[in-house]
Amino acid sequence: MKKVSASDSNNSYKRLVNAAADKKKSEKLELARGCVAIYVGQERKRYQVPLIYLSLPNFQQLINTSQEDVFDVKIDGPITLACPTHTFEQLLKIAKKTMHY
């Protein structure tokens, strides 16, 4: 029988905590196939949006108005939209109806 010291149990606990945090982090970052993550509003609420929705004029207009610099064509970081979350959710409902005849 192996004797367990206090330092062994602390290390085991830290490994469990780190493993749980890594799992939570990876679950948070996973996206459904064909979707893109968009962060909305001041609270940066994360939404999974089907890529096809981005072709809709309402989405394109919202993305264009949320860009800081019209001439900056590179994306540096996640897509972030500066609109209230309730407005974005209404746009998602409209897009769903539009795309699913």
C-alpha atoms as a PDB file:
ATOM      1  CA  MET A   1       0.000   0.000   0.000  1.00  0.00           C
ATOM      2  CA  LYS A   2       1.333   3.439  -0.979  1.00  0.00           C
ATOM      3  CA  LYS A   3       1.452   6.165   1.593  1.00  0.00           C
ATOM      4  CA  VAL A   4      -0.117   9.406   0.358  1.00  0.00           C
ATOM      5  CA  SER A   5       1.467  12.611   1.516  1.00  0.00           C
ATOM      6  CA  ALA A   6      -0.195  16.029   1.707  1.00  0.00           C
ATOM      7  CA  SER A   7       1.813  17.288  -1.276  1.00  0.00           C
ATOM      8  CA  ASP A   8       0.629  14.344  -3.407  1.00  0.00           C
ATOM      9  CA  SER A   9      -2.999  15.117  -2.658  1.00  0.00           C
ATOM     10  CA  ASN A  10      -2.469  18.830  -3.412  1.00  0.00           C
ATOM     11  CA  ASN A  11      -0.896  17.974  -6.766  1.00  0.00           C
ATOM     12  CA  SER A  12      -3.747  15.590  -7.581  1.00  0.00           C
ATOM     13  CA  TYR A  13      -6.277  18.269  -6.716  1.00  0.00           C
ATOM     14  CA  LYS A  14      -4.482  20.840  -8.889  1.00  0.00           C
ATOM     15  CA  ARG A  15      -4.434  18.404 -11.813  1.00  0.00           C
ATOM     16  CA  LEU A  16      -8.170  17.804 -11.428  1.00  0.00           C
ATOM     17  CA  VAL A  17      -8.915  21.528 -11.259  1.00  0.00           C
ATOM     18  CA  ASN A  18      -6.724  22.222 -14.305  1.00  0.00           C
ATOM     19  CA  ALA A  19      -8.322  19.364 -16.251  1.00  0.00           C
ATOM     20  CA  ALA A  20     -11.803  20.677 -15.443  1.00  0.00           C
ATOM     21  CA  ALA A  21     -10.816  24.203 -16.499  1.00  0.00           C
ATOM     22  CA  ASP A  22      -9.292  22.913 -19.751  1.00  0.00           C
ATOM     23  CA  LYS A  23     -12.445  20.917 -20.520  1.00  0.00           C
ATOM     24  CA  LYS A  24     -14.650  23.934 -19.838  1.00  0.00           C
ATOM     25  CA  LYS A  25     -12.426  26.133 -22.014  1.00  0.00           C
ATOM     26  CA  SER A  26     -12.481  23.655 -24.923  1.00  0.00           C
ATOM     27  CA  GLU A  27     -16.272  23.239 -24.676  1.00  0.00           C
ATOM     28  CA  LYS A  28     -16.658  26.996 -24.746  1.00  0.00           C
ATOM     29  CA  LEU A  29     -14.568  27.366 -27.899  1.00  0.00           C
ATOM     30  CA  GLU A  30     -16.160  24.555 -29.914  1.00  0.00           C
ATOM     31  CA  LEU A  31     -18.373  25.566 -32.792  1.00  0.00           C
ATOM     32  CA  ALA A  32     -20.905  23.593 -34.769  1.00  0.00           C
ATOM     33  CA  ARG A  33     -19.812  22.815 -38.305  1.00  0.00           C
ATOM     34  CA  GLY A  34     -20.659  25.658 -40.674  1.00  0.00           C
ATOM     35  CA  CYS A  35     -20.977  28.234 -37.884  1.00  0.00           C
ATOM     36  CA  VAL A  36     -18.971  31.228 -36.767  1.00  0.00           C
ATOM     37  CA  ALA A  37     -18.714  32.765 -33.298  1.00  0.00           C
ATOM     38  CA  ILE A  38     -19.930  36.334 -32.972  1.00  0.00           C
ATOM     39  CA  TYR A  39     -19.652  38.388 -29.784  1.00  0.00           C
ATOM     40  CA  VAL A  40     -22.434  40.928 -29.304  1.00  0.00           C
ATOM     41  CA  GLY A  41     -22.948  43.983 -27.128  1.00  0.00           C
ATOM     42  CA  GLN A  42     -21.005  45.425 -24.239  1.00  0.00           C
ATOM     43  CA  GLU A  43     -21.240  42.135 -22.345  1.00  0.00           C
ATOM     44  CA  ARG A  44     -19.767  40.333 -25.401  1.00  0.00           C
ATOM     45  CA  LYS A  45     -22.360  37.553 -25.354  1.00  0.00           C
ATOM     46  CA  ARG A  46     -21.221  34.728 -27.633  1.00  0.00           C
ATOM     47  CA  TYR A  47     -23.498  33.406 -30.384  1.00  0.00           C
ATOM     48  CA  GLN A  48     -22.982  30.597 -32.886  1.00  0.00           C
ATOM     49  CA  VAL A  49     -24.241  31.853 -36.217  1.00  0.00           C
ATOM     50  CA  PRO A  50     -24.511  29.783 -39.403  1.00  0.00           C
ATOM     51  CA  LEU A  51     -22.134  31.137 -42.039  1.00  0.00           C
ATOM     52  CA  ILE A  52     -24.961  31.402 -44.558  1.00  0.00           C
ATOM     53  CA  TYR A  53     -26.586  34.093 -42.399  1.00  0.00           C
ATOM     54  CA  LEU A  54     -23.599  36.367 -43.043  1.00  0.00           C
ATOM     55  CA  SER A  55     -24.657  36.669 -46.687  1.00  0.00           C
ATOM     56  CA  LEU A  56     -27.927  38.353 -45.707  1.00  0.00           C
ATOM     57  CA  PRO A  57     -28.034  42.143 -46.239  1.00  0.00           C
ATOM     58  CA  ASN A  58     -29.086  42.836 -42.619  1.00  0.00           C
ATOM     59  CA  PHE A  59     -26.074  40.977 -41.263  1.00  0.00           C
ATOM     60  CA  GLN A  60     -23.714  42.651 -43.714  1.00  0.00           C
ATOM     61  CA  GLN A  61     -25.047  46.070 -42.763  1.00  0.00           C
ATOM     62  CA  LEU A  62     -24.640  45.323 -39.044  1.00  0.00           C
ATOM     63  CA  ILE A  63     -21.075  44.078 -39.538  1.00  0.00           C
ATOM     64  CA  ASN A  64     -20.177  47.138 -41.620  1.00  0.00           C
ATOM     65  CA  THR A  65     -21.541  49.543 -39.017  1.00  0.00           C
ATOM     66  CA  SER A  66     -19.646  47.729 -36.249  1.00  0.00           C
ATOM     67  CA  GLN A  67     -16.262  48.040 -37.955  1.00  0.00           C
ATOM     68  CA  GLU A  68     -13.984  50.687 -36.518  1.00  0.00           C
ATOM     69  CA  ASP A  69     -12.167  51.452 -39.756  1.00  0.00           C
ATOM     70  CA  VAL A  70     -13.868  50.937 -43.116  1.00  0.00           C
ATOM     71  CA  PHE A  71     -10.505  50.560 -44.866  1.00  0.00           C
ATOM     72  CA  ASP A  72      -9.125  47.900 -42.500  1.00  0.00           C
ATOM     73  CA  VAL A  73      -9.706  44.605 -44.298  1.00  0.00           C
ATOM     74  CA  LYS A  74      -7.974  42.224 -41.899  1.00  0.00           C
ATOM     75  CA  ILE A  75      -9.774  40.638 -38.973  1.00  0.00           C
ATOM     76  CA  ASP A  76      -7.772  40.796 -35.770  1.00  0.00           C
ATOM     77  CA  GLY A  77      -9.568  38.631 -33.237  1.00  0.00           C
ATOM     78  CA  PRO A  78     -13.170  37.497 -32.979  1.00  0.00           C
ATOM     79  CA  ILE A  79     -16.091  39.100 -34.795  1.00  0.00           C
ATOM     80  CA  THR A  80     -17.588  41.627 -32.401  1.00  0.00           C
ATOM     81  CA  LEU A  81     -20.777  43.574 -33.053  1.00  0.00           C
ATOM     82  CA  ALA A  82     -21.675  46.761 -31.229  1.00  0.00           C
ATOM     83  CA  CYS A  83     -25.416  46.326 -30.938  1.00  0.00           C
ATOM     84  CA  PRO A  84     -27.688  45.305 -28.068  1.00  0.00           C
ATOM     85  CA  THR A  85     -28.140  41.555 -27.664  1.00  0.00           C
ATOM     86  CA  HIS A  86     -31.936  41.786 -27.965  1.00  0.00           C
ATOM     87  CA  THR A  87     -31.565  43.498 -31.361  1.00  0.00           C
ATOM     88  CA  PHE A  88     -29.170  40.787 -32.524  1.00  0.00           C
ATOM     89  CA  GLU A  89     -31.544  38.055 -31.343  1.00  0.00           C
ATOM     90  CA  GLN A  90     -34.367  39.627 -33.379  1.00  0.00           C
ATOM     91  CA  LEU A  91     -32.059  39.662 -36.399  1.00  0.00           C
ATOM     92  CA  LEU A  92     -31.321  35.957 -35.840  1.00  0.00           C
ATOM     93  CA  LYS A  93     -35.064  35.175 -35.794  1.00  0.00           C
ATOM     94  CA  ILE A  94     -35.571  37.052 -39.067  1.00  0.00           C
ATOM     95  CA  ALA A  95     -32.580  35.298 -40.627  1.00  0.00           C
ATOM     96  CA  LYS A  96     -33.874  31.888 -39.551  1.00  0.00           C
ATOM     97  CA  LYS A  97     -37.273  32.585 -41.140  1.00  0.00           C
ATOM     98  CA  THR A  98     -35.611  33.907 -44.303  1.00  0.00           C
ATOM     99  CA  MET A  99     -33.260  30.968 -44.732  1.00  0.00           C
ATOM    100  CA  HIS A 100     -35.812  28.251 -43.844  1.00  0.00           C
ATOM    101  CA  TYR A 101     -38.632  29.269 -46.159  1.00  0.00           C
END
